[in-house]
Amino acid sequence: MERHAFAMKIKKGQMNTYRRKLGEIWPELTALLDRNEITNFSIWNAEDLIFGYYENKDGMKFSAEDEAVKKDITEKIQDTFTWISTPGQDMRLMYHNFGIVRENKELIRHRVFMTKLKDGCEEEYKARHDGLIEQRGGATDPGPDSNFSIWNAGGYIFGYDEIDTTMEVEETVESREATVSWEMRQLEIMDWITNDVDWMTGDVHADVKRLAWHN
């Protein structure tokens, strides 16, 4: 399975138009997804940012006809945004912990987050997360985190996580302290856009909203 992500910034005053046009193109878009067996497609929003995530079978390529359909669908809505990621190319994958991916999403809770890297901190961010992968030593994480990936483009960070709610447990004092330590250290190299650490800092940021999903 291949995982893909994209990101855009909504033009000033165009959010309502983006939402309306998304609804207008949705039947044509989802038909395109179904024809090409693209699954778990979702679109998320915080402030003026849009983050999209989807999956497909290894090596899937659009036919010439569907490339034309994709172009036409995009043209119908692209006057409402500017690209952060490069169209047709994935953002840089900064971290992954795919674990055991749950095909049934009924008992899944999502965590999607967005941050802005401070100037020159992209490689430090990547190195810190590479360290987390090394700590796992190749072991498969049984959960509750599942299908977790973090992406980078244009100085932004976008995180996507599927959390198995049947495996969630109350946080211990030790795990809470570890979370606080990690997140406060991360504030050295990035600024939050979503409200994930407001409970630590006392700041007020936007909550992330899921605008659309298609399985």
N, C-alpha and C. Protein backbone atom coordinates (compact mmCIF):
# COMPACT_ATOMS: atom_id res chain seq x y z
N MET A 1 0.84 -1.20 0.00
CA MET A 1 0.00 0.00 0.00
C MET A 1 0.88 1.25 0.00
N GLU A 2 0.50 2.21 -0.83
CA GLU A 2 1.20 3.49 -0.86
C GLU A 2 0.37 4.54 -0.12
N ARG A 3 1.05 5.41 0.59
CA ARG A 3 0.41 6.52 1.29
C ARG A 3 0.83 7.82 0.64
N HIS A 4 -0.10 8.74 0.51
CA HIS A 4 0.17 10.01 -0.16
C HIS A 4 -0.45 11.15 0.64
N ALA A 5 0.12 12.33 0.47
CA ALA A 5 -0.40 13.50 1.17
C ALA A 5 -0.19 14.74 0.32
N PHE A 6 -1.05 15.73 0.51
CA PHE A 6 -0.93 17.00 -0.21
C PHE A 6 -1.39 18.12 0.71
N ALA A 7 -1.00 19.35 0.37
CA ALA A 7 -1.35 20.48 1.22
C ALA A 7 -1.51 21.75 0.39
N MET A 8 -2.46 22.58 0.81
CA MET A 8 -2.72 23.85 0.14
C MET A 8 -3.01 24.92 1.19
N LYS A 9 -2.97 26.17 0.73
CA LYS A 9 -3.38 27.30 1.56
C LYS A 9 -4.54 28.00 0.85
N ILE A 10 -5.64 28.17 1.59
CA ILE A 10 -6.82 28.81 1.03
C ILE A 10 -6.56 30.32 0.88
N LYS A 11 -6.93 30.86 -0.27
CA LYS A 11 -6.78 32.28 -0.48
C LYS A 11 -7.69 33.07 0.46
N LYS A 12 -7.30 34.28 0.78
CA LYS A 12 -8.05 35.11 1.73
C LYS A 12 -9.50 35.26 1.26
N GLY A 13 -10.41 34.96 2.17
CA GLY A 13 -11.82 35.12 1.90
C GLY A 13 -12.44 34.04 1.02
N GLN A 14 -11.70 32.96 0.74
CA GLN A 14 -12.18 31.94 -0.19
C GLN A 14 -12.60 30.62 0.48
N MET A 15 -12.60 30.56 1.80
CA MET A 15 -12.92 29.29 2.46
C MET A 15 -14.35 28.83 2.15
N ASN A 16 -15.30 29.74 2.20
CA ASN A 16 -16.68 29.34 1.90
C ASN A 16 -16.82 28.86 0.47
N THR A 17 -16.12 29.52 -0.44
CA THR A 17 -16.16 29.11 -1.84
C THR A 17 -15.48 27.75 -2.02
N TYR A 18 -14.38 27.54 -1.33
CA TYR A 18 -13.71 26.24 -1.39
C TYR A 18 -14.64 25.12 -0.93
N ARG A 19 -15.30 25.32 0.19
CA ARG A 19 -16.22 24.30 0.70
C ARG A 19 -17.35 24.03 -0.30
N ARG A 20 -17.91 25.11 -0.86
CA ARG A 20 -19.00 24.94 -1.83
C ARG A 20 -18.53 24.17 -3.06
N LYS A 21 -17.38 24.56 -3.59
CA LYS A 21 -16.88 23.90 -4.79
C LYS A 21 -16.46 22.46 -4.51
N LEU A 22 -15.96 22.19 -3.30
CA LEU A 22 -15.64 20.82 -2.93
C LEU A 22 -16.90 19.95 -3.01
N GLY A 23 -18.01 20.49 -2.52
CA GLY A 23 -19.27 19.75 -2.62
C GLY A 23 -19.71 19.53 -4.06
N GLU A 24 -19.46 20.52 -4.91
CA GLU A 24 -19.87 20.41 -6.31
C GLU A 24 -19.05 19.36 -7.06
N ILE A 25 -17.76 19.26 -6.75
CA ILE A 25 -16.91 18.30 -7.47
C ILE A 25 -16.89 16.93 -6.81
N TRP A 26 -17.47 16.81 -5.62
CA TRP A 26 -17.35 15.58 -4.83
C TRP A 26 -17.84 14.33 -5.57
N PRO A 27 -18.99 14.33 -6.22
CA PRO A 27 -19.41 13.09 -6.92
C PRO A 27 -18.42 12.67 -8.00
N GLU A 28 -17.91 13.64 -8.76
CA GLU A 28 -16.94 13.32 -9.80
C GLU A 28 -15.62 12.87 -9.21
N LEU A 29 -15.21 13.52 -8.11
CA LEU A 29 -13.95 13.16 -7.46
C LEU A 29 -14.01 11.76 -6.87
N THR A 30 -15.09 11.44 -6.16
CA THR A 30 -15.17 10.12 -5.54
C THR A 30 -15.31 9.01 -6.58
N ALA A 31 -15.94 9.31 -7.71
CA ALA A 31 -15.99 8.32 -8.80
C ALA A 31 -14.59 8.05 -9.33
N LEU A 32 -13.77 9.09 -9.44
CA LEU A 32 -12.38 8.92 -9.87
C LEU A 32 -11.61 8.08 -8.86
N LEU A 33 -11.81 8.35 -7.57
CA LEU A 33 -11.14 7.58 -6.52
C LEU A 33 -11.53 6.11 -6.61
N ASP A 34 -12.82 5.84 -6.77
CA ASP A 34 -13.30 4.46 -6.81
C ASP A 34 -12.76 3.71 -8.02
N ARG A 35 -12.74 4.36 -9.16
CA ARG A 35 -12.24 3.70 -10.37
C ARG A 35 -10.78 3.26 -10.22
N ASN A 36 -10.03 4.03 -9.44
CA ASN A 36 -8.60 3.76 -9.30
C ASN A 36 -8.25 3.13 -7.95
N GLU A 37 -9.29 2.68 -7.23
CA GLU A 37 -9.12 1.99 -5.95
C GLU A 37 -8.27 2.80 -4.96
N ILE A 38 -8.54 4.11 -4.96
CA ILE A 38 -7.92 5.01 -3.99
C ILE A 38 -8.83 5.05 -2.77
N THR A 39 -8.27 4.76 -1.61
CA THR A 39 -9.08 4.59 -0.39
C THR A 39 -8.61 5.51 0.73
N ASN A 40 -9.44 5.55 1.77
CA ASN A 40 -9.12 6.30 2.98
C ASN A 40 -8.72 7.74 2.65
N PHE A 41 -9.47 8.35 1.77
CA PHE A 41 -9.22 9.72 1.31
C PHE A 41 -9.88 10.69 2.28
N SER A 42 -9.10 11.63 2.79
CA SER A 42 -9.68 12.60 3.73
C SER A 42 -9.04 13.97 3.53
N ILE A 43 -9.81 15.01 3.86
CA ILE A 43 -9.37 16.40 3.74
C ILE A 43 -9.60 17.08 5.08
N TRP A 44 -8.57 17.78 5.57
CA TRP A 44 -8.58 18.39 6.89
C TRP A 44 -8.25 19.88 6.79
N ASN A 45 -8.77 20.64 7.75
CA ASN A 45 -8.58 22.09 7.72
C ASN A 45 -8.27 22.63 9.11
N ALA A 46 -7.32 23.57 9.16
CA ALA A 46 -7.08 24.40 10.33
C ALA A 46 -6.63 25.77 9.82
N GLU A 47 -7.20 26.82 10.37
CA GLU A 47 -6.95 28.18 9.88
C GLU A 47 -7.16 28.22 8.37
N ASP A 48 -6.14 28.64 7.60
CA ASP A 48 -6.30 28.69 6.15
C ASP A 48 -5.60 27.54 5.44
N LEU A 49 -5.26 26.48 6.18
CA LEU A 49 -4.51 25.36 5.63
C LEU A 49 -5.44 24.18 5.34
N ILE A 50 -5.13 23.49 4.26
CA ILE A 50 -5.82 22.25 3.87
C ILE A 50 -4.77 21.16 3.78
N PHE A 51 -5.06 20.02 4.41
CA PHE A 51 -4.18 18.85 4.34
C PHE A 51 -5.01 17.67 3.86
N GLY A 52 -4.51 16.96 2.87
CA GLY A 52 -5.20 15.79 2.35
C GLY A 52 -4.35 14.54 2.45
N TYR A 53 -5.00 13.42 2.68
CA TYR A 53 -4.32 12.13 2.84
C TYR A 53 -5.12 11.07 2.10
N TYR A 54 -4.40 10.11 1.45
CA TYR A 54 -5.09 8.98 0.82
C TYR A 54 -4.13 7.82 0.62
N GLU A 55 -4.71 6.67 0.25
CA GLU A 55 -3.92 5.44 0.05
C GLU A 55 -4.33 4.78 -1.26
N ASN A 56 -3.39 4.08 -1.86
CA ASN A 56 -3.72 3.27 -3.04
C ASN A 56 -2.80 2.06 -3.12
N LYS A 57 -3.12 1.14 -4.02
CA LYS A 57 -2.29 -0.04 -4.19
C LYS A 57 -0.93 0.35 -4.75
N ASP A 58 0.08 -0.45 -4.45
CA ASP A 58 1.43 -0.18 -4.93
C ASP A 58 1.44 -0.06 -6.45
N GLY A 59 2.07 1.00 -6.92
CA GLY A 59 2.27 1.17 -8.35
C GLY A 59 1.08 1.66 -9.14
N MET A 60 0.02 2.08 -8.47
CA MET A 60 -1.16 2.57 -9.18
C MET A 60 -0.82 3.81 -10.00
N LYS A 61 -1.27 3.83 -11.25
CA LYS A 61 -1.08 4.99 -12.12
C LYS A 61 -2.42 5.31 -12.79
N PHE A 62 -2.74 6.60 -12.90
CA PHE A 62 -3.94 7.00 -13.61
C PHE A 62 -3.77 6.73 -15.10
N SER A 63 -4.86 6.34 -15.73
CA SER A 63 -4.88 6.26 -17.19
C SER A 63 -4.84 7.68 -17.74
N ALA A 64 -4.57 7.80 -19.05
CA ALA A 64 -4.56 9.11 -19.68
C ALA A 64 -5.92 9.78 -19.53
N GLU A 65 -6.98 8.99 -19.63
CA GLU A 65 -8.33 9.54 -19.50
C GLU A 65 -8.57 10.08 -18.10
N ASP A 66 -8.14 9.33 -17.09
CA ASP A 66 -8.37 9.79 -15.72
C ASP A 66 -7.41 10.91 -15.32
N GLU A 67 -6.25 10.99 -15.95
CA GLU A 67 -5.39 12.16 -15.73
C GLU A 67 -6.11 13.41 -16.20
N ALA A 68 -6.81 13.30 -17.32
CA ALA A 68 -7.57 14.45 -17.83
C ALA A 68 -8.73 14.79 -16.90
N VAL A 69 -9.38 13.76 -16.35
CA VAL A 69 -10.47 13.99 -15.40
C VAL A 69 -9.93 14.69 -14.15
N LYS A 70 -8.81 14.21 -13.64
CA LYS A 70 -8.20 14.82 -12.44
C LYS A 70 -7.87 16.29 -12.69
N LYS A 71 -7.31 16.57 -13.86
CA LYS A 71 -6.96 17.96 -14.21
C LYS A 71 -8.21 18.82 -14.25
N ASP A 72 -9.27 18.30 -14.85
CA ASP A 72 -10.52 19.06 -14.96
C ASP A 72 -11.12 19.33 -13.59
N ILE A 73 -11.11 18.31 -12.70
CA ILE A 73 -11.65 18.49 -11.35
C ILE A 73 -10.85 19.56 -10.61
N THR A 74 -9.54 19.49 -10.71
CA THR A 74 -8.68 20.45 -10.02
C THR A 74 -8.92 21.86 -10.51
N GLU A 75 -9.07 22.03 -11.82
CA GLU A 75 -9.29 23.36 -12.39
C GLU A 75 -10.57 24.00 -11.89
N LYS A 76 -11.55 23.19 -11.53
CA LYS A 76 -12.83 23.71 -11.06
C LYS A 76 -12.74 24.33 -9.67
N ILE A 77 -11.68 24.01 -8.92
CA ILE A 77 -11.59 24.48 -7.54
C ILE A 77 -10.30 25.23 -7.24
N GLN A 78 -9.30 25.15 -8.12
CA GLN A 78 -7.97 25.64 -7.76
C GLN A 78 -7.87 27.16 -7.68
N ASP A 79 -8.90 27.90 -8.13
CA ASP A 79 -8.85 29.35 -7.96
C ASP A 79 -9.07 29.76 -6.51
N THR A 80 -9.40 28.80 -5.63
CA THR A 80 -9.64 29.11 -4.21
C THR A 80 -8.41 28.90 -3.34
N PHE A 81 -7.32 28.36 -3.89
CA PHE A 81 -6.16 28.05 -3.06
C PHE A 81 -4.86 28.18 -3.83
N THR A 82 -3.75 28.20 -3.09
CA THR A 82 -2.41 28.05 -3.66
C THR A 82 -1.80 26.78 -3.09
N TRP A 83 -0.98 26.12 -3.89
CA TRP A 83 -0.36 24.87 -3.44
C TRP A 83 0.76 25.12 -2.44
N ILE A 84 0.81 24.30 -1.40
CA ILE A 84 1.98 24.22 -0.52
C ILE A 84 2.87 23.07 -0.99
N SER A 85 2.28 21.92 -1.17
CA SER A 85 3.00 20.80 -1.77
C SER A 85 3.05 20.99 -3.28
N THR A 86 3.86 20.18 -3.95
CA THR A 86 3.97 20.24 -5.40
C THR A 86 2.95 19.28 -6.01
N PRO A 87 2.06 19.76 -6.87
CA PRO A 87 1.05 18.87 -7.46
C PRO A 87 1.69 17.66 -8.14
N GLY A 88 1.14 16.48 -7.84
CA GLY A 88 1.65 15.26 -8.43
C GLY A 88 2.85 14.67 -7.72
N GLN A 89 3.33 15.34 -6.69
CA GLN A 89 4.47 14.84 -5.92
C GLN A 89 4.11 14.78 -4.44
N ASP A 90 4.61 13.75 -3.76
CA ASP A 90 4.37 13.66 -2.33
C ASP A 90 5.20 14.68 -1.57
N MET A 91 4.69 15.08 -0.44
CA MET A 91 5.50 15.83 0.50
C MET A 91 6.58 14.92 1.08
N ARG A 92 7.56 15.50 1.69
CA ARG A 92 8.63 14.71 2.31
C ARG A 92 8.08 13.99 3.54
N LEU A 93 8.33 12.69 3.61
CA LEU A 93 7.90 11.90 4.76
C LEU A 93 8.94 12.06 5.86
N MET A 94 8.54 12.71 6.96
CA MET A 94 9.47 13.03 8.05
C MET A 94 9.51 11.95 9.12
N TYR A 95 8.43 11.19 9.24
CA TYR A 95 8.33 10.18 10.30
C TYR A 95 7.21 9.23 9.95
N HIS A 96 7.35 7.97 10.35
CA HIS A 96 6.24 7.03 10.21
C HIS A 96 6.30 6.00 11.33
N ASN A 97 5.12 5.62 11.75
CA ASN A 97 4.94 4.51 12.69
C ASN A 97 3.63 3.85 12.28
N PHE A 98 3.71 3.05 11.22
CA PHE A 98 2.49 2.50 10.63
C PHE A 98 1.86 1.44 11.54
N GLY A 99 2.70 0.71 12.28
CA GLY A 99 2.15 -0.27 13.22
C GLY A 99 1.24 -1.27 12.53
N ILE A 100 0.20 -1.67 13.24
CA ILE A 100 -0.81 -2.58 12.69
C ILE A 100 -1.97 -1.72 12.20
N VAL A 101 -2.12 -1.63 10.89
CA VAL A 101 -3.13 -0.76 10.30
C VAL A 101 -4.50 -1.41 10.39
N ARG A 102 -5.46 -0.70 10.93
CA ARG A 102 -6.82 -1.21 11.06
C ARG A 102 -7.60 -0.94 9.78
N GLU A 103 -8.04 -1.99 9.11
CA GLU A 103 -8.84 -1.80 7.91
C GLU A 103 -10.23 -1.28 8.25
N ASN A 104 -10.78 -1.75 9.37
CA ASN A 104 -12.08 -1.26 9.83
C ASN A 104 -11.87 0.04 10.60
N LYS A 105 -12.43 1.13 10.11
CA LYS A 105 -12.21 2.44 10.70
C LYS A 105 -13.30 2.85 11.69
N GLU A 106 -14.23 1.96 12.00
CA GLU A 106 -15.36 2.36 12.84
C GLU A 106 -14.95 2.70 14.26
N LEU A 107 -13.89 2.06 14.75
CA LEU A 107 -13.43 2.32 16.12
C LEU A 107 -12.10 3.06 16.11
N ILE A 108 -11.93 3.91 15.10
CA ILE A 108 -10.71 4.70 14.95
C ILE A 108 -11.00 6.16 15.31
N ARG A 109 -10.10 6.75 16.09
CA ARG A 109 -10.11 8.20 16.34
C ARG A 109 -8.90 8.79 15.62
N HIS A 110 -9.10 9.87 14.91
CA HIS A 110 -8.00 10.51 14.20
C HIS A 110 -7.34 11.60 15.04
N ARG A 111 -6.05 11.71 14.86
CA ARG A 111 -5.34 12.91 15.30
C ARG A 111 -4.58 13.45 14.10
N VAL A 112 -4.98 14.64 13.66
CA VAL A 112 -4.30 15.34 12.58
C VAL A 112 -3.80 16.66 13.14
N PHE A 113 -2.55 16.99 12.88
CA PHE A 113 -2.00 18.22 13.44
C PHE A 113 -1.17 18.97 12.39
N MET A 114 -0.99 20.27 12.64
CA MET A 114 -0.26 21.13 11.72
C MET A 114 0.63 22.08 12.51
N THR A 115 1.87 22.22 12.06
CA THR A 115 2.80 23.15 12.69
C THR A 115 3.60 23.87 11.60
N LYS A 116 4.32 24.91 11.99
CA LYS A 116 5.22 25.64 11.09
C LYS A 116 6.62 25.54 11.66
N LEU A 117 7.54 25.03 10.84
CA LEU A 117 8.93 24.92 11.28
C LEU A 117 9.58 26.30 11.34
N LYS A 118 10.45 26.49 12.33
CA LYS A 118 11.26 27.70 12.35
C LYS A 118 12.34 27.59 11.28
N ASP A 119 12.81 28.73 10.82
CA ASP A 119 13.76 28.75 9.71
C ASP A 119 14.96 27.85 9.98
N GLY A 120 15.29 27.02 8.99
CA GLY A 120 16.48 26.19 9.07
C GLY A 120 16.37 24.98 9.96
N CYS A 121 15.15 24.62 10.41
CA CYS A 121 14.99 23.54 11.38
C CYS A 121 14.46 22.24 10.78
N GLU A 122 14.34 22.17 9.47
CA GLU A 122 13.77 20.98 8.85
C GLU A 122 14.60 19.73 9.14
N GLU A 123 15.93 19.82 8.99
CA GLU A 123 16.76 18.64 9.20
C GLU A 123 16.83 18.23 10.67
N GLU A 124 16.76 19.21 11.56
CA GLU A 124 16.75 18.87 12.99
C GLU A 124 15.46 18.15 13.35
N TYR A 125 14.34 18.60 12.78
CA TYR A 125 13.07 17.92 13.01
C TYR A 125 13.14 16.49 12.53
N LYS A 126 13.68 16.30 11.33
CA LYS A 126 13.80 14.96 10.76
C LYS A 126 14.71 14.10 11.63
N ALA A 127 15.83 14.63 12.08
CA ALA A 127 16.78 13.86 12.88
C ALA A 127 16.15 13.41 14.20
N ARG A 128 15.39 14.28 14.83
CA ARG A 128 14.76 13.91 16.10
C ARG A 128 13.76 12.77 15.89
N HIS A 129 13.04 12.80 14.81
CA HIS A 129 12.06 11.73 14.56
C HIS A 129 12.72 10.46 14.05
N ASP A 130 13.84 10.59 13.35
CA ASP A 130 14.61 9.40 13.00
C ASP A 130 15.07 8.67 14.26
N GLY A 131 15.37 9.45 15.30
CA GLY A 131 15.77 8.86 16.57
C GLY A 131 14.66 8.03 17.19
N LEU A 132 13.42 8.46 17.02
CA LEU A 132 12.28 7.69 17.53
C LEU A 132 12.16 6.35 16.81
N ILE A 133 12.40 6.37 15.50
CA ILE A 133 12.35 5.13 14.73
C ILE A 133 13.46 4.18 15.18
N GLU A 134 14.63 4.73 15.42
CA GLU A 134 15.75 3.90 15.89
C GLU A 134 15.44 3.27 17.24
N GLN A 135 14.76 4.02 18.11
CA GLN A 135 14.40 3.48 19.42
C GLN A 135 13.48 2.29 19.32
N ARG A 136 12.63 2.26 18.28
CA ARG A 136 11.72 1.13 18.10
C ARG A 136 12.48 -0.12 17.63
N GLY A 137 13.64 0.08 17.03
CA GLY A 137 14.47 -1.04 16.61
C GLY A 137 13.80 -1.99 15.64
N GLY A 138 12.92 -1.46 14.80
CA GLY A 138 12.27 -2.31 13.81
C GLY A 138 11.06 -3.06 14.32
N ALA A 139 10.74 -2.90 15.60
CA ALA A 139 9.57 -3.60 16.16
C ALA A 139 8.28 -2.97 15.65
N THR A 140 7.27 -3.80 15.44
CA THR A 140 5.96 -3.33 15.02
C THR A 140 5.18 -2.86 16.23
N ASP A 141 4.70 -1.65 16.17
CA ASP A 141 3.91 -1.07 17.26
C ASP A 141 2.48 -1.61 17.18
N PRO A 142 2.00 -2.33 18.21
CA PRO A 142 0.65 -2.90 18.15
C PRO A 142 -0.45 -1.86 18.30
N GLY A 143 -0.11 -0.66 18.76
CA GLY A 143 -1.11 0.40 18.93
C GLY A 143 -1.09 0.96 20.34
N PRO A 144 -1.98 1.88 20.63
CA PRO A 144 -3.17 2.27 19.86
C PRO A 144 -2.89 3.11 18.61
N ASP A 145 -1.69 3.76 18.53
CA ASP A 145 -1.38 4.51 17.32
C ASP A 145 -1.23 3.57 16.14
N SER A 146 -1.77 3.96 15.00
CA SER A 146 -1.76 3.11 13.82
C SER A 146 -1.73 4.01 12.59
N ASN A 147 -0.95 3.59 11.57
CA ASN A 147 -0.96 4.33 10.31
C ASN A 147 -0.55 5.78 10.52
N PHE A 148 0.47 5.99 11.35
CA PHE A 148 0.91 7.33 11.75
C PHE A 148 2.01 7.79 10.82
N SER A 149 1.82 8.97 10.22
CA SER A 149 2.84 9.54 9.35
C SER A 149 2.89 11.05 9.53
N ILE A 150 4.08 11.63 9.31
CA ILE A 150 4.27 13.08 9.40
C ILE A 150 4.93 13.55 8.11
N TRP A 151 4.38 14.61 7.53
CA TRP A 151 4.79 15.08 6.21
C TRP A 151 5.24 16.54 6.27
N ASN A 152 6.11 16.92 5.33
CA ASN A 152 6.66 18.27 5.30
C ASN A 152 6.63 18.84 3.89
N ALA A 153 6.21 20.11 3.79
CA ALA A 153 6.33 20.86 2.54
C ALA A 153 6.21 22.34 2.87
N GLY A 154 6.98 23.16 2.18
CA GLY A 154 6.86 24.60 2.32
C GLY A 154 7.08 25.13 3.72
N GLY A 155 7.84 24.41 4.53
CA GLY A 155 8.08 24.83 5.90
C GLY A 155 7.01 24.39 6.88
N TYR A 156 5.99 23.70 6.40
CA TYR A 156 4.90 23.23 7.26
C TYR A 156 5.09 21.75 7.59
N ILE A 157 4.54 21.35 8.72
CA ILE A 157 4.47 19.96 9.15
C ILE A 157 3.01 19.56 9.28
N PHE A 158 2.68 18.40 8.71
CA PHE A 158 1.32 17.86 8.78
C PHE A 158 1.40 16.43 9.30
N GLY A 159 0.69 16.13 10.36
CA GLY A 159 0.69 14.79 10.93
C GLY A 159 -0.66 14.12 10.78
N TYR A 160 -0.63 12.81 10.48
CA TYR A 160 -1.85 12.02 10.32
C TYR A 160 -1.71 10.76 11.15
N ASP A 161 -2.68 10.50 12.03
CA ASP A 161 -2.61 9.35 12.93
C ASP A 161 -4.00 8.75 13.09
N GLU A 162 -4.08 7.42 13.01
CA GLU A 162 -5.32 6.69 13.29
C GLU A 162 -5.13 5.97 14.61
N ILE A 163 -5.99 6.25 15.57
CA ILE A 163 -5.83 5.73 16.93
C ILE A 163 -6.96 4.75 17.23
N ASP A 164 -6.59 3.54 17.59
CA ASP A 164 -7.55 2.49 17.92
C ASP A 164 -8.12 2.79 19.30
N THR A 165 -9.40 3.20 19.34
CA THR A 165 -9.99 3.61 20.62
C THR A 165 -10.17 2.46 21.59
N THR A 166 -10.17 1.21 21.09
CA THR A 166 -10.32 0.07 22.00
C THR A 166 -9.04 -0.22 22.77
N MET A 167 -7.94 0.39 22.35
CA MET A 167 -6.65 0.15 22.99
C MET A 167 -6.17 1.33 23.84
N GLU A 168 -6.92 2.42 23.79
CA GLU A 168 -6.49 3.60 24.54
C GLU A 168 -6.66 3.38 26.04
N VAL A 169 -5.69 3.85 26.79
CA VAL A 169 -5.74 3.76 28.25
C VAL A 169 -5.42 5.12 28.84
N GLU A 170 -5.78 5.30 30.09
CA GLU A 170 -5.50 6.57 30.75
C GLU A 170 -3.99 6.78 30.85
N GLU A 171 -3.58 8.02 30.65
CA GLU A 171 -2.17 8.37 30.66
C GLU A 171 -1.60 8.27 32.07
N THR A 172 -0.43 7.66 32.19
CA THR A 172 0.24 7.60 33.49
C THR A 172 1.00 8.90 33.74
N VAL A 173 1.41 9.10 34.98
CA VAL A 173 2.20 10.29 35.31
C VAL A 173 3.49 10.30 34.51
N GLU A 174 4.11 9.13 34.39
CA GLU A 174 5.39 9.03 33.68
C GLU A 174 5.24 9.36 32.20
N SER A 175 4.19 8.80 31.57
CA SER A 175 4.00 9.05 30.14
C SER A 175 3.62 10.51 29.89
N ARG A 176 2.86 11.09 30.80
CA ARG A 176 2.50 12.51 30.66
C ARG A 176 3.74 13.38 30.75
N GLU A 177 4.62 13.08 31.69
CA GLU A 177 5.86 13.85 31.83
C GLU A 177 6.73 13.71 30.59
N ALA A 178 6.76 12.51 30.00
CA ALA A 178 7.55 12.30 28.79
C ALA A 178 6.97 13.10 27.63
N THR A 179 5.64 13.15 27.54
CA THR A 179 4.98 13.92 26.49
C THR A 179 5.31 15.40 26.62
N VAL A 180 5.20 15.92 27.84
CA VAL A 180 5.50 17.33 28.08
C VAL A 180 6.94 17.65 27.73
N SER A 181 7.86 16.79 28.13
CA SER A 181 9.27 17.00 27.86
C SER A 181 9.54 17.05 26.36
N TRP A 182 8.97 16.10 25.62
CA TRP A 182 9.17 16.05 24.17
C TRP A 182 8.58 17.28 23.48
N GLU A 183 7.33 17.61 23.83
CA GLU A 183 6.66 18.70 23.14
C GLU A 183 7.30 20.06 23.44
N MET A 184 7.74 20.26 24.68
CA MET A 184 8.38 21.53 25.01
C MET A 184 9.72 21.66 24.28
N ARG A 185 10.40 20.54 24.10
CA ARG A 185 11.65 20.57 23.32
C ARG A 185 11.36 20.87 21.86
N GLN A 186 10.26 20.34 21.35
CA GLN A 186 9.90 20.61 19.96
C GLN A 186 9.59 22.08 19.71
N LEU A 187 9.17 22.79 20.74
CA LEU A 187 8.89 24.22 20.58
C LEU A 187 10.15 25.02 20.27
N GLU A 188 11.31 24.41 20.45
CA GLU A 188 12.56 25.07 20.05
C GLU A 188 12.65 25.22 18.54
N ILE A 189 12.00 24.33 17.80
CA ILE A 189 12.20 24.28 16.35
C ILE A 189 10.93 24.47 15.54
N MET A 190 9.78 24.62 16.20
CA MET A 190 8.54 24.79 15.44
C MET A 190 7.50 25.53 16.28
N ASP A 191 6.52 26.07 15.57
CA ASP A 191 5.39 26.76 16.20
C ASP A 191 4.11 26.03 15.82
N TRP A 192 3.24 25.83 16.79
CA TRP A 192 2.00 25.10 16.55
C TRP A 192 0.98 25.96 15.82
N ILE A 193 0.25 25.34 14.90
CA ILE A 193 -0.89 25.96 14.24
C ILE A 193 -2.17 25.41 14.84
N THR A 194 -2.21 24.09 15.09
CA THR A 194 -3.37 23.47 15.74
C THR A 194 -3.17 23.47 17.26
N ASN A 195 -4.20 23.07 17.98
CA ASN A 195 -4.25 23.29 19.43
C ASN A 195 -3.74 22.12 20.27
N ASP A 196 -2.88 21.28 19.70
CA ASP A 196 -2.48 20.04 20.36
C ASP A 196 -1.78 20.24 21.71
N VAL A 197 -1.00 21.29 21.87
CA VAL A 197 -0.27 21.47 23.12
C VAL A 197 -0.73 22.70 23.89
N ASP A 198 -1.90 23.22 23.54
CA ASP A 198 -2.41 24.38 24.27
C ASP A 198 -2.57 24.09 25.75
N TRP A 199 -2.85 22.82 26.09
CA TRP A 199 -3.01 22.46 27.50
C TRP A 199 -1.69 22.60 28.26
N MET A 200 -0.57 22.58 27.54
CA MET A 200 0.73 22.77 28.20
C MET A 200 1.13 24.25 28.24
N THR A 201 0.91 24.94 27.12
CA THR A 201 1.44 26.30 26.98
C THR A 201 0.48 27.40 27.39
N GLY A 202 -0.82 27.07 27.42
CA GLY A 202 -1.82 28.09 27.71
C GLY A 202 -2.16 28.96 26.51
N ASP A 203 -1.59 28.64 25.34
CA ASP A 203 -1.90 29.38 24.12
C ASP A 203 -3.25 28.93 23.56
N VAL A 204 -3.74 29.65 22.58
CA VAL A 204 -5.00 29.30 21.94
C VAL A 204 -4.76 29.19 20.43
N HIS A 205 -4.93 27.99 19.90
CA HIS A 205 -4.76 27.75 18.47
C HIS A 205 -6.02 27.10 17.91
N ALA A 206 -6.05 26.96 16.60
CA ALA A 206 -7.22 26.41 15.92
C ALA A 206 -7.32 24.90 16.15
N ASP A 207 -8.54 24.41 16.24
CA ASP A 207 -8.73 22.97 16.22
C ASP A 207 -8.79 22.52 14.77
N VAL A 208 -8.42 21.27 14.52
CA VAL A 208 -8.43 20.76 13.16
C VAL A 208 -9.79 20.14 12.87
N LYS A 209 -10.29 20.39 11.66
CA LYS A 209 -11.61 19.89 11.27
C LYS A 209 -11.47 18.97 10.07
N ARG A 210 -12.20 17.86 10.07
CA ARG A 210 -12.26 17.02 8.89
C ARG A 210 -13.37 17.53 7.98
N LEU A 211 -12.99 17.97 6.79
CA LEU A 211 -13.96 18.49 5.85
C LEU A 211 -14.61 17.40 5.01
N ALA A 212 -13.86 16.31 4.77
CA ALA A 212 -14.39 15.29 3.88
C ALA A 212 -13.66 13.97 4.12
N TRP A 213 -14.35 12.86 3.81
CA TRP A 213 -13.74 11.52 3.90
C TRP A 213 -14.46 10.59 2.94
N HIS A 214 -13.68 9.75 2.29
CA HIS A 214 -14.26 8.74 1.38
C HIS A 214 -13.44 7.47 1.51
N ASN A 215 -14.10 6.36 1.80
CA ASN A 215 -13.40 5.10 1.99
C ASN A 215 -13.28 4.33 0.67
